Amino acid sequence: EQIVCGLKRLGYAHIPSHGNFIAFKAGDAASVNDKLLRQGVIVRPLAGYQMKEWLRVTIGSETENARFLDALSKAA
């Protein structure tokens, strides 16, 4: 719920999930991924699944989720 709310607040569409990860539409996913990596945040690009604008993030602890959302806000 923390990540879903954060993604919505930042204006990112996502695919509802019941698993431990969420796919979200990042636009230029390669660029966003690179910017996240430079901040020490690892996500999974989904281009290999014909979803070139999408990234997938694994749900972590409350602190890890907050770090991801902060990094994503700076990567946009």
C-alpha atoms as a PDB file:
ATOM      1  CA  GLU A   1       0.000   0.000   0.000  1.00  0.00           C
ATOM      2  CA  GLN A   2       2.884   2.385   0.779  1.00  0.00           C
ATOM      3  CA  ILE A   3       4.385   2.015  -2.691  1.00  0.00           C
ATOM      4  CA  VAL A   4       1.017   2.129  -4.473  1.00  0.00           C
ATOM      5  CA  CYS A   5       0.114   5.370  -2.695  1.00  0.00           C
ATOM      6  CA  GLY A   6       3.552   6.799  -3.468  1.00  0.00           C
ATOM      7  CA  LEU A   7       3.352   5.854  -7.138  1.00  0.00           C
ATOM      8  CA  LYS A   8      -0.070   7.485  -7.395  1.00  0.00           C
ATOM      9  CA  ARG A   9       1.201  10.622  -5.647  1.00  0.00           C
ATOM     10  CA  LEU A  10       4.097  10.818  -8.119  1.00  0.00           C
ATOM     11  CA  GLY A  11       1.758  10.266 -11.088  1.00  0.00           C
ATOM     12  CA  TYR A  12       2.867   6.767 -12.130  1.00  0.00           C
ATOM     13  CA  ALA A  13       0.411   4.165 -13.407  1.00  0.00           C
ATOM     14  CA  HIS A  14       0.870   0.679 -11.978  1.00  0.00           C
ATOM     15  CA  ILE A  15      -0.434  -2.834 -12.443  1.00  0.00           C
ATOM     16  CA  PRO A  16      -2.335  -4.053  -9.368  1.00  0.00           C
ATOM     17  CA  SER A  17      -0.470  -6.890  -7.706  1.00  0.00           C
ATOM     18  CA  HIS A  18      -1.048  -9.450  -4.990  1.00  0.00           C
ATOM     19  CA  GLY A  19       2.616 -10.491  -5.010  1.00  0.00           C
ATOM     20  CA  ASN A  20       5.703  -8.921  -3.479  1.00  0.00           C
ATOM     21  CA  PHE A  21       6.375  -6.621  -6.430  1.00  0.00           C
ATOM     22  CA  ILE A  22       4.659  -3.879  -8.415  1.00  0.00           C
ATOM     23  CA  ALA A  23       5.127  -2.980 -12.083  1.00  0.00           C
ATOM     24  CA  PHE A  24       4.842   0.715 -12.870  1.00  0.00           C
ATOM     25  CA  LYS A  25       4.921   2.703 -16.103  1.00  0.00           C
ATOM     26  CA  ALA A  26       8.028   4.885 -16.000  1.00  0.00           C
ATOM     27  CA  GLY A  27       7.920   6.375 -19.509  1.00  0.00           C
ATOM     28  CA  ASP A  28      11.601   6.370 -20.451  1.00  0.00           C
ATOM     29  CA  ALA A  29      12.209   3.334 -18.247  1.00  0.00           C
ATOM     30  CA  ALA A  30      15.860   2.951 -19.267  1.00  0.00           C
ATOM     31  CA  SER A  31      16.633   6.502 -18.141  1.00  0.00           C
ATOM     32  CA  VAL A  32      14.667   6.185 -14.902  1.00  0.00           C
ATOM     33  CA  ASN A  33      16.367   2.846 -14.197  1.00  0.00           C
ATOM     34  CA  ASP A  34      19.788   4.420 -14.751  1.00  0.00           C
ATOM     35  CA  LYS A  35      18.985   7.335 -12.441  1.00  0.00           C
ATOM     36  CA  LEU A  36      17.729   4.935  -9.765  1.00  0.00           C
ATOM     37  CA  LEU A  37      20.874   2.806 -10.079  1.00  0.00           C
ATOM     38  CA  ARG A  38      23.028   5.907  -9.561  1.00  0.00           C
ATOM     39  CA  GLN A  39      21.151   6.423  -6.288  1.00  0.00           C
ATOM     40  CA  GLY A  40      21.759   2.814  -5.248  1.00  0.00           C
ATOM     41  CA  VAL A  41      18.207   1.638  -5.939  1.00  0.00           C
ATOM     42  CA  ILE A  42      17.770  -1.486  -8.039  1.00  0.00           C
ATOM     43  CA  VAL A  43      14.575  -2.184  -9.999  1.00  0.00           C
ATOM     44  CA  ARG A  44      13.914  -4.610 -12.835  1.00  0.00           C
ATOM     45  CA  PRO A  45      13.344  -3.323 -16.382  1.00  0.00           C
ATOM     46  CA  LEU A  46      10.513  -5.144 -18.172  1.00  0.00           C
ATOM     47  CA  ALA A  47      11.568  -4.443 -21.776  1.00  0.00           C
ATOM     48  CA  GLY A  48      12.292  -8.156 -22.238  1.00  0.00           C
ATOM     49  CA  TYR A  49       8.568  -8.772 -21.701  1.00  0.00           C
ATOM     50  CA  GLN A  50       7.591  -6.266 -24.418  1.00  0.00           C
ATOM     51  CA  MET A  51       6.928  -3.638 -21.720  1.00  0.00           C
ATOM     52  CA  LYS A  52       9.687  -1.170 -22.595  1.00  0.00           C
ATOM     53  CA  GLU A  53       8.165   1.712 -20.600  1.00  0.00           C
ATOM     54  CA  TRP A  54       7.733  -0.339 -17.424  1.00  0.00           C
ATOM     55  CA  LEU A  55       9.853  -1.153 -14.373  1.00  0.00           C
ATOM     56  CA  ARG A  56       9.204  -3.580 -11.534  1.00  0.00           C
ATOM     57  CA  VAL A  57      10.025  -2.895  -7.895  1.00  0.00           C
ATOM     58  CA  THR A  58      10.036  -5.441  -5.094  1.00  0.00           C
ATOM     59  CA  ILE A  59       8.192  -4.528  -1.906  1.00  0.00           C
ATOM     60  CA  GLY A  60      10.588  -4.052   0.992  1.00  0.00           C
ATOM     61  CA  SER A  61      10.458  -2.743   4.512  1.00  0.00           C
ATOM     62  CA  GLU A  62       8.785   0.582   5.239  1.00  0.00           C
ATOM     63  CA  THR A  63      12.209   2.256   5.244  1.00  0.00           C
ATOM     64  CA  GLU A  64      13.263   0.603   1.965  1.00  0.00           C
ATOM     65  CA  ASN A  65       9.986   1.555   0.307  1.00  0.00           C
ATOM     66  CA  ALA A  66      10.382   5.169   1.430  1.00  0.00           C
ATOM     67  CA  ARG A  67      13.943   5.212   0.053  1.00  0.00           C
ATOM     68  CA  PHE A  68      12.705   3.883  -3.291  1.00  0.00           C
ATOM     69  CA  LEU A  69       9.933   6.495  -3.517  1.00  0.00           C
ATOM     70  CA  ASP A  70      12.342   9.292  -2.614  1.00  0.00           C
ATOM     71  CA  ALA A  71      14.822   8.109  -5.259  1.00  0.00           C
ATOM     72  CA  LEU A  72      12.026   7.778  -7.838  1.00  0.00           C
ATOM     73  CA  SER A  73      10.873  11.335  -7.157  1.00  0.00           C
ATOM     74  CA  LYS A  74      14.428  12.508  -7.979  1.00  0.00           C
ATOM     75  CA  ALA A  75      14.741  10.259 -11.045  1.00  0.00           C
ATOM     76  CA  ALA A  76      11.718  11.645 -12.886  1.00  0.00           C
END
